[in-house]
Amino acid sequence: MTTKTDKIDRLAELTAARAEPEHGLGLWREAFRRLKRNPMAVSGAVIVLLFLVIAILAPWLAPYDPEARTWDHEVFQNQNIFVGPRAENWLGLDNAGRDELSRIIVGARQSLLVGVVATGLGFAVGALLGGLAGAAVGLGGRVGQRVDAVIMRVVDMLLAMPSLLLAVSVAAILGPSLLTVMVAVGVTQVPIFARLLRGSMLAQSHSDYVLAANALGVKRRRIVLGHIVPNSLGPVLVQGTLSLATAIIEAAALSYLGLGNPDTSYPEWGSMLADAQRFLSGAPQLAIYPAIVIIITALGFTLLGEAMRESLDPKLRK
C-alpha cells in the first residue's frame, strides 16, 4: 500500500530528475541536429548528394560514349532538322549526333571538378590572407596594423572589380583551358573568404573567453592561433558551400564565352550552352537541358549553404 510519504518521496525524485541539467551539445552537433529538421537543408542535401553521385559514377551511368558521333547521319544542321527524345536517346541528339543524356551526365563530372578546385583555391588563398590580416590585428602593434592595411587594400582592389569581369580578365590572360577556368574562378573567391575570415576573427577577439584568457596571462599568439582562428572558421565553411554554387555558374559562363576547355567534344555544361546557341530555333532543348541542370545544382548548394548559416548563426535561428 502506497503511503503519503512514499508519494512525496516519489514526487521529490521526479522533481530532482527534471531539475538535472541536460548535457550540452557542441556547436557542430547542435547545428547538425537543426539541419536534420530543416526542410530546406534536406532538399539541398538531396540535390547535392545526387549531383555528387552522378558526377562520380558518370562513366558507368552514361548509356553511350558522350564523344561518339554515332547518329550523325540522322542530324541535318543545314536543314535545321534534329532528333528529339526517343526510346534509345531519352533526351535526343545534339547537333553532332551525340547522345544528349550521356553528355549531360558526364558533363557533371567536369563541372564538379571545376567548382571544387576553384572554391578550394579561393578558400586556401583567401583564408591565408584573411587569417594573416586578422592575426596581425590581434597581435597588435604598428607592424600588425601595417600588415593588415597592406593585405586588405589588395583585397579591396580585387573586390572593386565585378567577379565575372575579373574572371574573364584572368582567363583571357592565361588562355583558354580547363586549368584557366579553375584559376580564374578561384581568384574571384579570394577576397570574399579573406574579408569574411578577418571580420570573423575581429568579432571573436572581443569575446568573453578572449578577455578571460588575457586576464589569466595566456600569450597573445596562443590565443589567436589556438582559440580565435578555430572559432572563426564556421562562417567561412558555410561560405564555401555557397561559393560552390557561384563557382559552377561562373565556370559555365566562362565556357560559354569560349574561355574554357578548347576541346568542345568533351562535354561540359557551359560549352554545351555555347554550342546550342546556334540552333535555338530548331532545337531549343539543346540549351534548355544544360541550363536546367546548372540551375538545379546551384540551387542545391545554395539551399544547403543558407540552411547551414541559419543553424550556425544564433541570430538567424528560427
Protein backbone atom coordinates (compact mmCIF):
# COMPACT_ATOMS: atom_id res chain seq x y z
CA MET A 1 0.00 0.00 0.00
CA THR A 2 1.42 3.33 -1.04
CA THR A 3 1.59 5.82 1.78
CA LYS A 4 1.55 9.57 1.61
CA THR A 5 5.25 9.65 2.48
CA ASP A 6 6.09 7.37 -0.44
CA LYS A 7 4.18 9.65 -2.80
CA ILE A 8 6.08 12.67 -1.51
CA ASP A 9 9.42 10.86 -1.93
CA ARG A 10 8.47 9.81 -5.46
CA LEU A 11 7.45 13.36 -6.33
CA ALA A 12 10.75 14.66 -4.95
CA GLU A 13 12.69 12.16 -7.11
CA LEU A 14 10.81 13.19 -10.26
CA THR A 15 11.36 16.87 -9.48
CA ALA A 16 15.07 16.30 -8.92
CA ALA A 17 15.38 14.32 -12.14
CA ARG A 18 13.72 17.10 -14.13
CA ALA A 19 15.93 19.69 -12.45
CA GLU A 20 19.13 17.92 -13.53
CA PRO A 21 20.78 19.89 -16.33
CA GLU A 22 20.96 18.24 -19.70
CA HIS A 23 24.34 17.61 -21.19
CA GLY A 24 25.17 20.40 -23.63
CA LEU A 25 25.99 19.64 -27.22
CA GLY A 26 28.82 21.12 -29.24
CA LEU A 27 28.24 23.82 -31.82
CA TRP A 28 28.53 21.49 -34.80
CA ARG A 29 26.38 18.76 -33.21
CA GLU A 30 23.65 21.26 -32.45
CA ALA A 31 23.89 22.65 -35.98
CA PHE A 32 23.63 19.16 -37.46
CA ARG A 33 20.57 18.42 -35.32
CA ARG A 34 18.88 21.58 -36.62
CA LEU A 35 19.83 20.75 -40.20
CA LYS A 36 18.08 17.39 -39.96
CA ARG A 37 14.85 19.16 -39.02
CA ASN A 38 15.16 21.85 -41.69
CA PRO A 39 13.28 21.03 -44.94
CA MET A 40 15.46 23.49 -46.88
CA ALA A 41 18.61 21.76 -45.69
CA VAL A 42 17.26 18.30 -46.51
CA SER A 43 16.21 19.39 -50.01
CA GLY A 44 19.59 20.98 -50.68
CA ALA A 45 21.46 17.97 -49.33
CA VAL A 46 19.47 15.60 -51.54
CA ILE A 47 20.23 17.67 -54.65
CA VAL A 48 23.92 17.96 -53.78
CA LEU A 49 24.21 14.24 -52.97
CA LEU A 50 22.50 13.32 -56.25
CA PHE A 51 24.86 15.63 -58.15
CA LEU A 52 27.91 14.10 -56.45
CA VAL A 53 26.77 10.54 -57.16
CA ILE A 54 26.13 11.33 -60.83
CA ALA A 55 29.49 13.11 -61.18
CA ILE A 56 31.46 10.30 -59.53
CA LEU A 57 29.68 7.46 -61.34
CA ALA A 58 29.25 9.31 -64.64
CA PRO A 59 31.28 6.89 -66.82
CA TRP A 60 29.11 3.98 -65.65
CA LEU A 61 25.78 5.84 -65.66
CA ALA A 62 26.09 7.28 -69.16
CA PRO A 63 24.34 4.94 -71.62
CA TYR A 64 26.66 5.88 -74.54
CA ASP A 65 30.04 7.40 -75.22
CA PRO A 66 29.44 11.17 -74.89
CA GLU A 67 32.03 11.96 -77.59
CA ALA A 68 30.92 9.38 -80.16
CA ARG A 69 29.02 10.73 -83.17
CA THR A 70 27.04 7.54 -83.54
CA TRP A 71 23.92 9.11 -85.06
CA ASP A 72 25.46 12.00 -87.05
CA HIS A 73 23.77 10.71 -90.20
CA GLU A 74 20.37 11.48 -88.62
CA VAL A 75 21.12 15.16 -87.93
CA PHE A 76 20.89 17.76 -90.69
CA GLN A 77 22.12 21.10 -89.35
CA ASN A 78 21.74 22.94 -92.65
CA GLN A 79 18.06 21.99 -92.82
CA ASN A 80 17.56 22.65 -89.09
CA ILE A 81 16.45 19.05 -88.53
CA PHE A 82 17.33 17.48 -85.16
CA VAL A 83 16.34 14.29 -83.39
CA GLY A 84 14.31 14.79 -80.22
CA PRO A 85 13.70 12.42 -77.32
CA ARG A 86 13.12 8.78 -78.28
CA ALA A 87 13.50 5.29 -76.83
CA GLU A 88 17.25 4.88 -77.38
CA ASN A 89 18.05 8.56 -76.73
CA TRP A 90 15.93 9.84 -73.84
CA LEU A 91 16.94 13.48 -74.36
CA GLY A 92 17.53 13.26 -78.09
CA LEU A 93 20.71 14.04 -80.03
CA ASP A 94 22.86 17.15 -80.17
CA ASN A 95 24.00 18.95 -83.32
CA ALA A 96 26.77 16.40 -83.93
CA GLY A 97 24.64 13.27 -83.47
CA ARG A 98 25.81 12.54 -79.94
CA ASP A 99 23.55 11.32 -77.14
CA GLU A 100 22.44 14.37 -75.14
CA LEU A 101 21.72 12.46 -71.91
CA SER A 102 25.22 10.95 -71.87
CA ARG A 103 26.76 14.38 -72.37
CA ILE A 104 24.69 15.87 -69.55
CA ILE A 105 25.71 13.09 -67.16
CA VAL A 106 29.43 13.16 -67.99
CA GLY A 107 29.40 16.97 -68.01
CA ALA A 108 28.54 16.88 -64.30
CA ARG A 109 32.00 15.47 -63.55
CA GLN A 110 33.84 18.37 -65.16
CA SER A 111 31.52 20.93 -63.56
CA LEU A 112 32.10 19.36 -60.14
CA LEU A 113 35.87 19.30 -60.69
CA VAL A 114 35.97 22.95 -61.67
CA GLY A 115 33.69 24.01 -58.80
CA VAL A 116 35.57 22.11 -56.09
CA VAL A 117 39.08 23.05 -57.26
CA ALA A 118 38.17 26.71 -57.83
CA THR A 119 36.45 27.00 -54.44
CA GLY A 120 39.33 25.18 -52.73
CA LEU A 121 41.84 27.54 -54.35
CA GLY A 122 39.83 30.61 -53.34
CA PHE A 123 39.37 29.25 -49.82
CA ALA A 124 43.07 28.46 -49.33
CA VAL A 125 44.42 31.79 -50.58
CA GLY A 126 41.58 33.86 -49.10
CA ALA A 127 41.80 32.17 -45.70
CA LEU A 128 45.58 32.67 -45.70
CA LEU A 129 45.28 36.40 -46.43
CA GLY A 130 42.34 36.91 -44.08
CA GLY A 131 43.99 34.88 -41.34
CA LEU A 132 47.23 36.87 -41.63
CA ALA A 133 45.33 40.16 -41.52
CA GLY A 134 43.18 39.08 -38.57
CA ALA A 135 46.16 37.67 -36.68
CA ALA A 136 48.15 40.84 -37.32
CA VAL A 137 45.36 42.96 -35.84
CA GLY A 138 45.00 40.55 -32.92
CA LEU A 139 48.71 40.62 -32.09
CA GLY A 140 48.63 44.42 -32.12
CA GLY A 141 51.45 46.86 -32.67
CA ARG A 142 52.33 49.10 -35.59
CA VAL A 143 53.74 46.24 -37.62
CA GLY A 144 50.48 44.30 -37.29
CA GLN A 145 48.45 47.31 -38.36
CA ARG A 146 50.63 47.84 -41.42
CA VAL A 147 50.42 44.19 -42.44
CA ASP A 148 46.63 44.30 -42.07
CA ALA A 149 46.42 47.54 -44.09
CA VAL A 150 48.53 46.18 -46.98
CA ILE A 151 46.65 42.87 -47.21
CA MET A 152 43.20 44.42 -47.03
CA ARG A 153 43.99 47.09 -49.64
CA VAL A 154 44.93 44.31 -52.06
CA VAL A 155 41.69 42.52 -51.20
CA ASP A 156 39.74 45.75 -51.70
CA MET A 157 41.21 46.15 -55.18
CA LEU A 158 40.04 42.66 -56.07
CA LEU A 159 36.59 43.40 -54.67
CA ALA A 160 36.37 46.61 -56.70
CA MET A 161 36.10 44.60 -59.92
CA PRO A 162 32.92 42.64 -60.74
CA SER A 163 33.58 38.93 -60.22
CA LEU A 164 32.71 37.86 -63.76
CA LEU A 165 34.80 40.65 -65.29
CA LEU A 166 37.73 39.68 -63.07
CA ALA A 167 37.35 36.02 -64.05
CA VAL A 168 37.19 36.91 -67.75
CA SER A 169 40.31 39.08 -67.41
CA VAL A 170 42.30 36.32 -65.73
CA ALA A 171 41.09 33.72 -68.25
CA ALA A 172 41.95 35.99 -71.18
CA ILE A 173 45.49 36.47 -69.84
CA LEU A 174 46.13 32.76 -69.22
CA GLY A 175 44.43 31.49 -72.38
CA PRO A 176 41.53 29.05 -72.77
CA SER A 177 41.90 25.79 -70.84
CA LEU A 178 40.28 23.87 -68.01
CA LEU A 179 43.03 24.98 -65.60
CA THR A 180 42.41 28.58 -66.62
CA VAL A 181 38.75 28.32 -65.62
CA MET A 182 39.70 26.92 -62.21
CA VAL A 183 42.24 29.67 -61.54
CA ALA A 184 40.00 32.45 -62.86
CA VAL A 185 37.01 31.40 -60.76
CA GLY A 186 39.24 30.80 -57.73
CA VAL A 187 40.67 34.32 -57.94
CA THR A 188 37.16 35.80 -57.72
CA GLN A 189 36.56 33.86 -54.48
CA VAL A 190 39.75 35.03 -52.73
CA PRO A 191 38.56 38.45 -51.47
CA ILE A 192 35.27 37.00 -50.20
CA PHE A 193 36.97 34.43 -47.98
CA ALA A 194 39.66 36.89 -46.90
CA ARG A 195 37.29 39.59 -45.67
CA LEU A 196 34.93 37.05 -44.09
CA LEU A 197 37.65 35.35 -42.04
CA ARG A 198 39.22 38.65 -40.98
CA GLY A 199 35.85 40.03 -39.88
CA SER A 200 35.02 36.84 -38.01
CA MET A 201 38.38 36.93 -36.22
CA LEU A 202 37.89 40.55 -35.20
CA ALA A 203 34.45 39.71 -33.81
CA GLN A 204 35.85 36.74 -31.87
CA SER A 205 38.66 38.87 -30.43
CA HIS A 206 36.08 40.77 -28.34
CA SER A 207 34.50 37.61 -26.90
CA ASP A 208 34.43 36.84 -23.18
CA TYR A 209 36.74 33.83 -23.47
CA VAL A 210 39.43 36.04 -25.05
CA LEU A 211 39.14 38.53 -22.21
CA ALA A 212 39.37 35.67 -19.71
CA ALA A 213 42.45 34.25 -21.42
CA ASN A 214 44.11 37.68 -21.39
CA ALA A 215 43.31 38.03 -17.70
CA LEU A 216 44.93 34.65 -17.00
CA GLY A 217 48.09 35.74 -18.76
CA VAL A 218 47.84 33.45 -21.80
CA LYS A 219 50.18 34.53 -24.58
CA ARG A 220 48.51 36.56 -27.32
CA ARG A 221 49.85 34.31 -30.08
CA ARG A 222 48.38 31.23 -28.43
CA ILE A 223 45.00 32.95 -28.03
CA VAL A 224 44.92 33.91 -31.71
CA LEU A 225 46.09 30.60 -33.18
CA GLY A 226 44.55 28.24 -30.64
CA HIS A 227 41.20 29.86 -29.99
CA ILE A 228 40.27 32.79 -32.25
CA VAL A 229 41.14 31.13 -35.57
CA PRO A 230 39.32 27.79 -34.94
CA ASN A 231 36.20 29.59 -33.66
CA SER A 232 36.18 31.89 -36.71
CA LEU A 233 36.09 29.15 -39.36
CA GLY A 234 32.35 28.40 -39.12
CA PRO A 235 31.12 31.27 -41.33
CA VAL A 236 33.97 30.63 -43.77
CA LEU A 237 33.00 26.97 -44.21
CA VAL A 238 29.39 27.99 -44.80
CA GLN A 239 30.54 30.49 -47.41
CA GLY A 240 32.49 27.69 -49.08
CA THR A 241 29.26 25.79 -49.65
CA LEU A 242 27.60 28.88 -51.12
CA SER A 243 30.67 29.61 -53.25
CA LEU A 244 30.43 26.19 -54.88
CA ALA A 245 27.17 27.26 -56.49
CA THR A 246 28.72 30.52 -57.69
CA ALA A 247 31.80 28.70 -58.98
CA ILE A 248 29.72 26.30 -61.07
CA ILE A 249 27.75 29.18 -62.60
CA GLU A 250 30.86 31.27 -63.33
CA ALA A 251 32.69 28.27 -64.80
CA ALA A 252 29.74 27.66 -67.10
CA ALA A 253 29.78 31.35 -68.06
CA LEU A 254 33.50 31.24 -68.96
CA SER A 255 32.99 28.09 -71.01
CA TYR A 256 30.03 29.75 -72.70
CA LEU A 257 32.30 32.67 -73.66
CA GLY A 258 34.85 30.28 -75.17
CA LEU A 259 37.44 30.62 -72.39
CA GLY A 260 37.08 27.08 -71.07
CA ASN A 261 38.33 23.77 -72.39
CA PRO A 262 39.19 24.26 -76.10
CA ASP A 263 38.23 20.63 -76.76
CA THR A 264 34.49 21.11 -77.22
CA SER A 265 33.96 17.42 -77.96
CA TYR A 266 34.33 16.65 -74.25
CA PRO A 267 31.03 17.55 -72.53
CA GLU A 268 30.82 20.50 -70.17
CA TRP A 269 27.58 22.26 -69.34
CA GLY A 270 28.80 25.76 -70.24
CA SER A 271 30.28 24.72 -73.59
CA MET A 272 27.08 22.78 -74.36
CA LEU A 273 25.14 26.02 -73.89
CA ALA A 274 27.53 27.81 -76.24
CA ASP A 275 27.14 25.12 -78.93
CA ALA A 276 23.36 25.19 -78.64
CA GLN A 277 23.17 28.94 -79.23
CA ARG A 278 23.35 28.47 -83.00
CA PHE A 279 20.42 26.06 -83.05
CA LEU A 280 17.89 27.72 -80.74
CA SER A 281 15.24 27.99 -83.45
CA GLY A 282 15.37 24.33 -84.47
CA ALA A 283 16.41 22.60 -81.23
CA PRO A 284 15.89 24.82 -78.14
CA GLN A 285 16.11 21.74 -75.93
CA LEU A 286 19.87 21.64 -76.53
CA ALA A 287 20.14 24.81 -74.43
CA ILE A 288 17.31 24.03 -72.02
CA TYR A 289 18.75 20.74 -70.70
CA PRO A 290 22.18 22.05 -69.58
CA ALA A 291 20.60 25.26 -68.26
CA ILE A 292 18.20 23.26 -66.09
CA VAL A 293 20.93 21.09 -64.54
CA ILE A 294 23.08 24.17 -63.84
CA ILE A 295 20.17 25.90 -62.11
CA ILE A 296 19.19 22.84 -60.07
CA THR A 297 22.77 22.15 -58.96
CA ALA A 298 23.37 25.77 -57.96
CA LEU A 299 20.03 25.77 -56.12
CA GLY A 300 21.03 22.67 -54.14
CA PHE A 301 24.30 24.19 -52.91
CA THR A 302 22.56 27.49 -52.14
CA LEU A 303 19.81 25.85 -50.09
CA LEU A 304 22.32 23.79 -48.13
CA GLY A 305 24.58 26.76 -47.53
CA GLU A 306 21.76 29.02 -46.36
CA ALA A 307 20.48 26.31 -44.01
CA MET A 308 23.98 25.84 -42.57
CA ARG A 309 24.29 29.57 -41.97
CA GLU A 310 20.96 29.66 -40.12
CA SER A 311 21.99 26.68 -37.99
CA LEU A 312 25.38 28.12 -37.02
CA ASP A 313 24.37 31.75 -36.50
CA PRO A 314 22.30 32.26 -33.30
CA LYS A 315 20.82 35.49 -34.71
CA LEU A 316 19.31 33.64 -37.68
CA ARG A 317 17.96 30.59 -35.84
CA LYS A 318 14.20 30.15 -36.09
